[in-house]
Amino acid sequence: MGSSGVRVDLRGRQALVTGGARGLGASIVRRLAGAGASVLVADVRKELARELCDELNGDGGEVRFVELDVRDPDAVAGVFRELDGAGQGVDVLVNNAAVDVSKPIEHLTAEEVTRVVQTNLLGPVYLCLEAYRRMIARGGGHIVNILSTAANRTWTEAGPYAAGKSGLRAFTHTLFKEAQRDCPGIGVTGVVAGGMETPFIMDRFPDSDVSMLQSPDVVADAVMYALSVPEGSVAGEIVVVPRREPSWP
């Protein structure tokens, strides 16, 4: 397991990471487990997730797989109800699951647009609703929403993706303001991540110039930094992009 330069003790805490089976999600799961957290790997990729859990168990906290399609609000609510029944809560929520369909707008189908916006915007919102109201009741917790440079600017063939990530950034800012007003013990952070060398990019664009991409471990470190900020302060938004990436701002 790679080691992070950020030190944060998460022993006794439970984290839930959506899209945690591979790529950035798996990097975040590794960091959280290494800090002692019990981690729920929420994903639709059963086999990959189970392999990750098998790899990490014994490195600190317990790592468990939860099969979850974030687009299904009933399934999201069900996960939290099961945790309630087991007397467990989610202390750290990382909304990382995302999909994209890289097509010109004229060729997109309604189903493709719906899948991207449901996964990238509505799914994280459903998870925030369930986690945040419970964090309010407990008086603490931290929500990290993984954003994208597409939340601030866009490019061709990225219409639904940019719409979803822009919407999630606006929702994250609103949640930050409400937590600031209603419950200072809750941290809310948006992590604006530039291009990463992960399957999300490499599977679709195998000829990508990897010198223009960053390691997902760097973005996972940014998540750990957000969780390490002392009480009384909060990292509301963190931008992490490859030095050579032309997409910021």
C-alpha atoms as a PDB file:
ATOM      1  CA  MET A   1       0.000   0.000   0.000  1.00  0.00           C
ATOM      2  CA  GLY A   2       1.342   3.453  -0.876  1.00  0.00           C
ATOM      3  CA  SER A   3       1.759   5.760   2.082  1.00  0.00           C
ATOM      4  CA  SER A   4       0.291   9.225   2.231  1.00  0.00           C
ATOM      5  CA  GLY A   5       2.228  12.201   3.533  1.00  0.00           C
ATOM      6  CA  VAL A   6      -0.923  13.366   5.355  1.00  0.00           C
ATOM      7  CA  ARG A   7      -1.382  11.982   8.864  1.00  0.00           C
ATOM      8  CA  VAL A   8      -4.918  11.499  10.105  1.00  0.00           C
ATOM      9  CA  ASP A   9      -6.132   8.955  12.661  1.00  0.00           C
ATOM     10  CA  LEU A  10      -9.443   7.427  11.593  1.00  0.00           C
ATOM     11  CA  ARG A  11      -9.501   4.490  14.012  1.00  0.00           C
ATOM     12  CA  GLY A  12     -13.035   3.922  15.240  1.00  0.00           C
ATOM     13  CA  ARG A  13     -14.499   5.775  12.239  1.00  0.00           C
ATOM     14  CA  GLN A  14     -16.489   4.293   9.371  1.00  0.00           C
ATOM     15  CA  ALA A  15     -16.177   5.587   5.795  1.00  0.00           C
ATOM     16  CA  LEU A  16     -18.278   4.858   2.719  1.00  0.00           C
ATOM     17  CA  VAL A  17     -16.698   5.340  -0.719  1.00  0.00           C
ATOM     18  CA  THR A  18     -18.868   5.084  -3.832  1.00  0.00           C
ATOM     19  CA  GLY A  19     -17.177   3.755  -6.959  1.00  0.00           C
ATOM     20  CA  GLY A  20     -14.574   2.400  -4.561  1.00  0.00           C
ATOM     21  CA  ALA A  21     -13.613  -0.743  -6.486  1.00  0.00           C
ATOM     22  CA  ARG A  22     -11.039   0.743  -8.874  1.00  0.00           C
ATOM     23  CA  GLY A  23      -9.230   3.891 -10.001  1.00  0.00           C
ATOM     24  CA  LEU A  24      -9.473   6.930  -7.740  1.00  0.00           C
ATOM     25  CA  GLY A  25     -12.052   5.201  -5.545  1.00  0.00           C
ATOM     26  CA  ALA A  26      -9.661   2.332  -4.789  1.00  0.00           C
ATOM     27  CA  SER A  27      -6.850   4.811  -4.014  1.00  0.00           C
ATOM     28  CA  ILE A  28      -9.138   6.592  -1.541  1.00  0.00           C
ATOM     29  CA  VAL A  29     -10.203   3.287   0.041  1.00  0.00           C
ATOM     30  CA  ARG A  30      -6.529   2.330   0.510  1.00  0.00           C
ATOM     31  CA  ARG A  31      -5.729   5.656   2.178  1.00  0.00           C
ATOM     32  CA  LEU A  32      -8.738   5.480   4.509  1.00  0.00           C
ATOM     33  CA  ALA A  33      -7.996   1.879   5.514  1.00  0.00           C
ATOM     34  CA  GLY A  34      -4.349   2.796   6.076  1.00  0.00           C
ATOM     35  CA  ALA A  35      -5.520   5.523   8.488  1.00  0.00           C
ATOM     36  CA  GLY A  36      -7.427   2.902  10.483  1.00  0.00           C
ATOM     37  CA  ALA A  37     -10.969   3.521   9.226  1.00  0.00           C
ATOM     38  CA  SER A  38     -13.483   0.777   8.604  1.00  0.00           C
ATOM     39  CA  VAL A  39     -14.372   1.253   4.935  1.00  0.00           C
ATOM     40  CA  LEU A  40     -17.481   0.318   2.984  1.00  0.00           C
ATOM     41  CA  VAL A  41     -16.607  -0.116  -0.699  1.00  0.00           C
ATOM     42  CA  ALA A  42     -19.864   0.746  -2.482  1.00  0.00           C
ATOM     43  CA  ASP A  43     -19.842  -0.229  -6.150  1.00  0.00           C
ATOM     44  CA  VAL A  44     -21.631  -2.193  -8.855  1.00  0.00           C
ATOM     45  CA  ARG A  45     -18.387  -4.042  -9.724  1.00  0.00           C
ATOM     46  CA  LYS A  46     -18.727  -6.987  -7.352  1.00  0.00           C
ATOM     47  CA  GLU A  47     -15.601  -8.968  -8.219  1.00  0.00           C
ATOM     48  CA  LEU A  48     -13.214  -6.007  -8.338  1.00  0.00           C
ATOM     49  CA  ALA A  49     -14.568  -4.699  -5.044  1.00  0.00           C
ATOM     50  CA  ARG A  50     -14.196  -8.067  -3.326  1.00  0.00           C
ATOM     51  CA  GLU A  51     -10.603  -8.382  -4.561  1.00  0.00           C
ATOM     52  CA  LEU A  52      -9.818  -4.968  -3.069  1.00  0.00           C
ATOM     53  CA  CYS A  53     -11.445  -5.910   0.247  1.00  0.00           C
ATOM     54  CA  ASP A  54      -9.443  -9.159   0.395  1.00  0.00           C
ATOM     55  CA  GLU A  55      -6.239  -7.232  -0.352  1.00  0.00           C
ATOM     56  CA  LEU A  56      -6.790  -4.609   2.353  1.00  0.00           C
ATOM     57  CA  ASN A  57      -8.283  -6.487   5.270  1.00  0.00           C
ATOM     58  CA  GLY A  58      -5.687  -6.634   7.997  1.00  0.00           C
ATOM     59  CA  ASP A  59      -4.103  -3.269   7.085  1.00  0.00           C
ATOM     60  CA  GLY A  60      -6.020  -1.354   9.750  1.00  0.00           C
ATOM     61  CA  GLY A  61      -9.773  -1.085   9.801  1.00  0.00           C
ATOM     62  CA  GLU A  62     -12.193  -3.555   8.299  1.00  0.00           C
ATOM     63  CA  VAL A  63     -12.923  -3.178   4.559  1.00  0.00           C
ATOM     64  CA  ARG A  64     -16.289  -4.491   3.337  1.00  0.00           C
ATOM     65  CA  PHE A  65     -18.113  -4.560   0.008  1.00  0.00           C
ATOM     66  CA  VAL A  66     -21.577  -3.053  -0.366  1.00  0.00           C
ATOM     67  CA  GLU A  67     -23.287  -3.603  -3.715  1.00  0.00           C
ATOM     68  CA  LEU A  68     -24.862  -0.258  -4.606  1.00  0.00           C
ATOM     69  CA  ASP A  69     -26.121   1.480  -7.725  1.00  0.00           C
ATOM     70  CA  VAL A  70     -26.106   5.127  -6.647  1.00  0.00           C
ATOM     71  CA  ARG A  71     -28.830   5.906  -9.204  1.00  0.00           C
ATOM     72  CA  ASP A  72     -31.368   4.013  -7.070  1.00  0.00           C
ATOM     73  CA  PRO A  73     -32.540   6.169  -4.137  1.00  0.00           C
ATOM     74  CA  ASP A  74     -34.304   3.217  -2.485  1.00  0.00           C
ATOM     75  CA  ALA A  75     -31.086   1.185  -2.577  1.00  0.00           C
ATOM     76  CA  VAL A  76     -29.139   4.132  -1.124  1.00  0.00           C
ATOM     77  CA  ALA A  77     -31.676   4.550   1.690  1.00  0.00           C
ATOM     78  CA  GLY A  78     -31.571   0.778   2.275  1.00  0.00           C
ATOM     79  CA  VAL A  79     -27.800   0.798   2.872  1.00  0.00           C
ATOM     80  CA  PHE A  80     -28.156   3.477   5.541  1.00  0.00           C
ATOM     81  CA  ARG A  81     -31.116   1.698   7.163  1.00  0.00           C
ATOM     82  CA  GLU A  82     -29.051  -1.498   7.393  1.00  0.00           C
ATOM     83  CA  LEU A  83     -26.225   0.428   9.038  1.00  0.00           C
ATOM     84  CA  ASP A  84     -28.717   1.988  11.489  1.00  0.00           C
ATOM     85  CA  GLY A  85     -29.970  -1.510  12.320  1.00  0.00           C
ATOM     86  CA  ALA A  86     -26.402  -2.618  13.031  1.00  0.00           C
ATOM     87  CA  GLY A  87     -25.827   0.408  15.262  1.00  0.00           C
ATOM     88  CA  GLN A  88     -23.328   1.868  12.790  1.00  0.00           C
ATOM     89  CA  GLY A  89     -23.035   5.267  11.174  1.00  0.00           C
ATOM     90  CA  VAL A  90     -21.115   6.783   8.277  1.00  0.00           C
ATOM     91  CA  ASP A  91     -18.563   9.222   9.680  1.00  0.00           C
ATOM     92  CA  VAL A  92     -16.924   9.917   6.300  1.00  0.00           C
ATOM     93  CA  LEU A  93     -18.814   9.842   2.986  1.00  0.00           C
ATOM     94  CA  VAL A  94     -16.820  10.077  -0.245  1.00  0.00           C
ATOM     95  CA  ASN A  95     -18.987  10.476  -3.342  1.00  0.00           C
ATOM     96  CA  ASN A  96     -16.627   9.293  -6.067  1.00  0.00           C
ATOM     97  CA  ALA A  97     -18.730   7.158  -8.452  1.00  0.00           C
ATOM     98  CA  ALA A  98     -19.021   8.734 -11.909  1.00  0.00           C
ATOM     99  CA  VAL A  99     -19.561   7.777 -15.541  1.00  0.00           C
ATOM    100  CA  ASP A 100     -19.219   9.600 -18.852  1.00  0.00           C
ATOM    101  CA  VAL A 101     -20.369   9.198 -22.444  1.00  0.00           C
ATOM    102  CA  SER A 102     -17.993  11.042 -24.767  1.00  0.00           C
ATOM    103  CA  LYS A 103     -20.163  11.911 -27.750  1.00  0.00           C
ATOM    104  CA  PRO A 104     -21.176  15.075 -29.588  1.00  0.00           C
ATOM    105  CA  ILE A 105     -24.490  16.321 -28.216  1.00  0.00           C
ATOM    106  CA  GLU A 106     -26.218  15.687 -31.563  1.00  0.00           C
ATOM    107  CA  HIS A 107     -25.519  11.938 -31.177  1.00  0.00           C
ATOM    108  CA  LEU A 108     -26.435  11.510 -27.492  1.00  0.00           C
ATOM    109  CA  THR A 109     -29.505   9.512 -26.533  1.00  0.00           C
ATOM    110  CA  ALA A 110     -31.866  10.442 -23.721  1.00  0.00           C
ATOM    111  CA  GLU A 111     -30.887   7.225 -21.945  1.00  0.00           C
ATOM    112  CA  GLU A 112     -27.171   8.141 -22.053  1.00  0.00           C
ATOM    113  CA  VAL A 113     -27.818  11.628 -20.715  1.00  0.00           C
ATOM    114  CA  THR A 114     -30.021  10.223 -17.947  1.00  0.00           C
ATOM    115  CA  ARG A 115     -27.403   7.649 -16.926  1.00  0.00           C
ATOM    116  CA  VAL A 116     -24.621  10.249 -16.698  1.00  0.00           C
ATOM    117  CA  VAL A 117     -26.645  12.847 -14.787  1.00  0.00           C
ATOM    118  CA  GLN A 118     -28.212  10.269 -12.466  1.00  0.00           C
ATOM    119  CA  THR A 119     -24.831   8.744 -11.605  1.00  0.00           C
ATOM    120  CA  ASN A 120     -22.816  11.958 -11.345  1.00  0.00           C
ATOM    121  CA  LEU A 121     -25.358  14.312  -9.768  1.00  0.00           C
ATOM    122  CA  LEU A 122     -28.467  12.636  -8.407  1.00  0.00           C
ATOM    123  CA  GLY A 123     -26.577   9.667  -6.922  1.00  0.00           C
ATOM    124  CA  PRO A 124     -24.233  11.818  -4.810  1.00  0.00           C
ATOM    125  CA  VAL A 125     -27.186  13.973  -3.754  1.00  0.00           C
ATOM    126  CA  TYR A 126     -29.134  10.875  -2.615  1.00  0.00           C
ATOM    127  CA  LEU A 127     -26.130   9.768  -0.548  1.00  0.00           C
ATOM    128  CA  CYS A 128     -25.674  13.250   0.910  1.00  0.00           C
ATOM    129  CA  LEU A 129     -29.329  13.355   1.974  1.00  0.00           C
ATOM    130  CA  GLU A 130     -29.050  10.074   3.874  1.00  0.00           C
ATOM    131  CA  ALA A 131     -25.610  10.758   5.392  1.00  0.00           C
ATOM    132  CA  TYR A 132     -26.054  14.452   6.227  1.00  0.00           C
ATOM    133  CA  ARG A 133     -29.293  14.161   8.225  1.00  0.00           C
ATOM    134  CA  ARG A 134     -27.671  11.410  10.300  1.00  0.00           C
ATOM    135  CA  MET A 135     -24.512  13.484  10.769  1.00  0.00           C
ATOM    136  CA  ILE A 136     -26.677  16.391  11.957  1.00  0.00           C
ATOM    137  CA  ALA A 137     -28.297  14.089  14.522  1.00  0.00           C
ATOM    138  CA  ARG A 138     -24.860  12.883  15.732  1.00  0.00           C
ATOM    139  CA  GLY A 139     -23.262  16.325  15.610  1.00  0.00           C
ATOM    140  CA  GLY A 140     -20.372  15.491  13.302  1.00  0.00           C
ATOM    141  CA  GLY A 141     -18.993  13.836  10.187  1.00  0.00           C
ATOM    142  CA  HIS A 142     -17.396  14.733   6.879  1.00  0.00           C
ATOM    143  CA  ILE A 143     -18.703  14.615   3.308  1.00  0.00           C
ATOM    144  CA  VAL A 144     -16.257  14.740   0.385  1.00  0.00           C
ATOM    145  CA  ASN A 145     -17.672  15.104  -3.117  1.00  0.00           C
ATOM    146  CA  ILE A 146     -15.277  14.363  -5.977  1.00  0.00           C
ATOM    147  CA  LEU A 147     -15.745  17.062  -8.602  1.00  0.00           C
ATOM    148  CA  SER A 148     -13.903  17.726 -11.853  1.00  0.00           C
ATOM    149  CA  THR A 149     -12.402  20.595 -13.767  1.00  0.00           C
ATOM    150  CA  ALA A 150     -15.562  20.125 -15.879  1.00  0.00           C
ATOM    151  CA  ALA A 151     -17.425  21.747 -12.958  1.00  0.00           C
ATOM    152  CA  ASN A 152     -15.658  25.035 -13.791  1.00  0.00           C
ATOM    153  CA  ARG A 153     -15.165  24.902 -17.522  1.00  0.00           C
ATOM    154  CA  THR A 154     -16.099  22.436 -20.218  1.00  0.00           C
ATOM    155  CA  TRP A 155     -14.988  21.002 -23.518  1.00  0.00           C
ATOM    156  CA  THR A 156     -16.651  19.324 -26.477  1.00  0.00           C
ATOM    157  CA  GLU A 157     -18.234  15.881 -26.064  1.00  0.00           C
ATOM    158  CA  ALA A 158     -18.721  16.531 -22.326  1.00  0.00           C
ATOM    159  CA  GLY A 159     -22.189  18.087 -22.097  1.00  0.00           C
ATOM    160  CA  PRO A 160     -23.934  15.745 -19.621  1.00  0.00           C
ATOM    161  CA  TYR A 161     -20.718  15.161 -17.642  1.00  0.00           C
ATOM    162  CA  ALA A 162     -20.097  18.898 -17.208  1.00  0.00           C
ATOM    163  CA  ALA A 163     -23.758  19.472 -16.347  1.00  0.00           C
ATOM    164  CA  GLY A 164     -23.649  16.791 -13.664  1.00  0.00           C
ATOM    165  CA  LYS A 165     -20.355  17.905 -12.124  1.00  0.00           C
ATOM    166  CA  SER A 166     -21.351  21.607 -12.224  1.00  0.00           C
ATOM    167  CA  GLY A 167     -24.593  20.732 -10.479  1.00  0.00           C
ATOM    168  CA  LEU A 168     -22.764  18.693  -7.848  1.00  0.00           C
ATOM    169  CA  ARG A 169     -20.362  21.564  -7.202  1.00  0.00           C
ATOM    170  CA  ALA A 170     -23.296  23.940  -6.629  1.00  0.00           C
ATOM    171  CA  PHE A 171     -24.973  21.408  -4.327  1.00  0.00           C
ATOM    172  CA  THR A 172     -21.699  20.912  -2.418  1.00  0.00           C
ATOM    173  CA  HIS A 173     -21.348  24.679  -1.881  1.00  0.00           C
ATOM    174  CA  THR A 174     -24.933  24.849  -0.597  1.00  0.00           C
ATOM    175  CA  LEU A 175     -24.360  21.917   1.757  1.00  0.00           C
ATOM    176  CA  PHE A 176     -21.197  23.611   3.015  1.00  0.00           C
ATOM    177  CA  LYS A 177     -23.143  26.779   3.841  1.00  0.00           C
ATOM    178  CA  GLU A 178     -25.910  24.868   5.620  1.00  0.00           C
ATOM    179  CA  ALA A 179     -23.410  22.834   7.678  1.00  0.00           C
ATOM    180  CA  GLN A 180     -21.580  26.048   8.541  1.00  0.00           C
ATOM    181  CA  ARG A 181     -24.866  27.470   9.858  1.00  0.00           C
ATOM    182  CA  ASP A 182     -26.418  24.363  11.415  1.00  0.00           C
ATOM    183  CA  CYS A 183     -23.657  22.031  12.573  1.00  0.00           C
ATOM    184  CA  PRO A 184     -20.036  23.225  12.780  1.00  0.00           C
ATOM    185  CA  GLY A 185     -18.961  19.630  13.537  1.00  0.00           C
ATOM    186  CA  ILE A 186     -19.685  18.575   9.952  1.00  0.00           C
ATOM    187  CA  GLY A 187     -17.072  19.126   7.258  1.00  0.00           C
ATOM    188  CA  VAL A 188     -18.042  19.435   3.603  1.00  0.00           C
ATOM    189  CA  THR A 189     -15.355  19.421   0.912  1.00  0.00           C
ATOM    190  CA  GLY A 190     -15.454  19.441  -2.872  1.00  0.00           C
ATOM    191  CA  VAL A 191     -12.307  18.032  -4.498  1.00  0.00           C
ATOM    192  CA  VAL A 192     -11.878  19.387  -8.035  1.00  0.00           C
ATOM    193  CA  ALA A 193      -9.691  16.764  -9.686  1.00  0.00           C
ATOM    194  CA  GLY A 194      -7.955  17.169 -13.020  1.00  0.00           C
ATOM    195  CA  GLY A 195      -7.177  14.288 -15.381  1.00  0.00           C
ATOM    196  CA  MET A 196      -5.938  11.100 -13.735  1.00  0.00           C
ATOM    197  CA  GLU A 197      -4.267   7.989 -15.082  1.00  0.00           C
ATOM    198  CA  THR A 198      -7.193   5.710 -14.202  1.00  0.00           C
ATOM    199  CA  PRO A 199      -9.442   3.294 -16.140  1.00  0.00           C
ATOM    200  CA  PHE A 200     -12.046   6.100 -16.300  1.00  0.00           C
ATOM    201  CA  ILE A 201      -9.800   7.861 -18.830  1.00  0.00           C
ATOM    202  CA  MET A 202      -7.508   5.112 -20.135  1.00  0.00           C
ATOM    203  CA  ASP A 203     -10.305   2.668 -21.052  1.00  0.00           C
ATOM    204  CA  ARG A 204     -11.969   5.290 -23.244  1.00  0.00           C
ATOM    205  CA  PHE A 205      -8.873   7.135 -24.471  1.00  0.00           C
ATOM    206  CA  PRO A 206      -6.056   4.541 -24.601  1.00  0.00           C
ATOM    207  CA  ASP A 207      -3.824   6.908 -26.579  1.00  0.00           C
ATOM    208  CA  SER A 208      -3.932   9.607 -23.875  1.00  0.00           C
ATOM    209  CA  ASP A 209      -0.655  11.408 -23.164  1.00  0.00           C
ATOM    210  CA  VAL A 210      -0.028  10.145 -19.620  1.00  0.00           C
ATOM    211  CA  SER A 211       2.434  12.990 -19.010  1.00  0.00           C
ATOM    212  CA  MET A 212      -0.659  15.232 -18.969  1.00  0.00           C
ATOM    213  CA  LEU A 213      -2.339  13.091 -16.296  1.00  0.00           C
ATOM    214  CA  GLN A 214      -1.776  12.687 -12.560  1.00  0.00           C
ATOM    215  CA  SER A 215      -1.752   9.693 -10.256  1.00  0.00           C
ATOM    216  CA  PRO A 216      -5.038   9.057  -8.451  1.00  0.00           C
ATOM    217  CA  ASP A 217      -2.974   8.695  -5.262  1.00  0.00           C
ATOM    218  CA  VAL A 218      -2.314  12.443  -5.348  1.00  0.00           C
ATOM    219  CA  VAL A 219      -6.054  13.149  -5.365  1.00  0.00           C
ATOM    220  CA  ALA A 220      -6.576  10.556  -2.613  1.00  0.00           C
ATOM    221  CA  ASP A 221      -3.999  12.484  -0.568  1.00  0.00           C
ATOM    222  CA  ALA A 222      -6.089  15.635  -1.078  1.00  0.00           C
ATOM    223  CA  VAL A 223      -9.086  13.785   0.379  1.00  0.00           C
ATOM    224  CA  MET A 224      -6.996  12.797   3.401  1.00  0.00           C
ATOM    225  CA  TYR A 225      -5.841  16.394   3.794  1.00  0.00           C
ATOM    226  CA  ALA A 226      -9.474  17.540   3.871  1.00  0.00           C
ATOM    227  CA  LEU A 227     -10.128  15.042   6.675  1.00  0.00           C
ATOM    228  CA  SER A 228      -7.032  16.198   8.599  1.00  0.00           C
ATOM    229  CA  VAL A 229      -7.928  19.891   8.916  1.00  0.00           C
ATOM    230  CA  PRO A 230      -8.297  20.746  12.637  1.00  0.00           C
ATOM    231  CA  GLU A 231     -11.684  21.509  14.142  1.00  0.00           C
ATOM    232  CA  GLY A 232     -12.536  25.177  13.671  1.00  0.00           C
ATOM    233  CA  SER A 233     -11.437  25.179  10.029  1.00  0.00           C
ATOM    234  CA  VAL A 234     -12.542  23.273   6.954  1.00  0.00           C
ATOM    235  CA  ALA A 235     -11.171  22.841   3.440  1.00  0.00           C
ATOM    236  CA  GLY A 236     -14.299  23.767   1.508  1.00  0.00           C
ATOM    237  CA  GLU A 237     -12.788  23.120  -1.918  1.00  0.00           C
ATOM    238  CA  ILE A 238      -9.465  21.679  -3.049  1.00  0.00           C
ATOM    239  CA  VAL A 239      -8.234  21.833  -6.650  1.00  0.00           C
ATOM    240  CA  VAL A 240      -5.685  19.203  -7.730  1.00  0.00           C
ATOM    241  CA  VAL A 241      -4.647  19.187 -11.384  1.00  0.00           C
ATOM    242  CA  PRO A 242      -1.626  17.965 -13.338  1.00  0.00           C
ATOM    243  CA  ARG A 243       0.846  20.810 -13.830  1.00  0.00           C
ATOM    244  CA  ARG A 244       0.599  20.521 -17.617  1.00  0.00           C
ATOM    245  CA  GLU A 245      -3.166  20.218 -17.817  1.00  0.00           C
ATOM    246  CA  PRO A 246      -4.601  23.149 -19.805  1.00  0.00           C
ATOM    247  CA  SER A 247      -8.100  22.868 -18.339  1.00  0.00           C
ATOM    248  CA  TRP A 248      -7.880  25.131 -15.270  1.00  0.00           C
ATOM    249  CA  PRO A 249      -9.598  27.465 -14.821  1.00  0.00           C
END
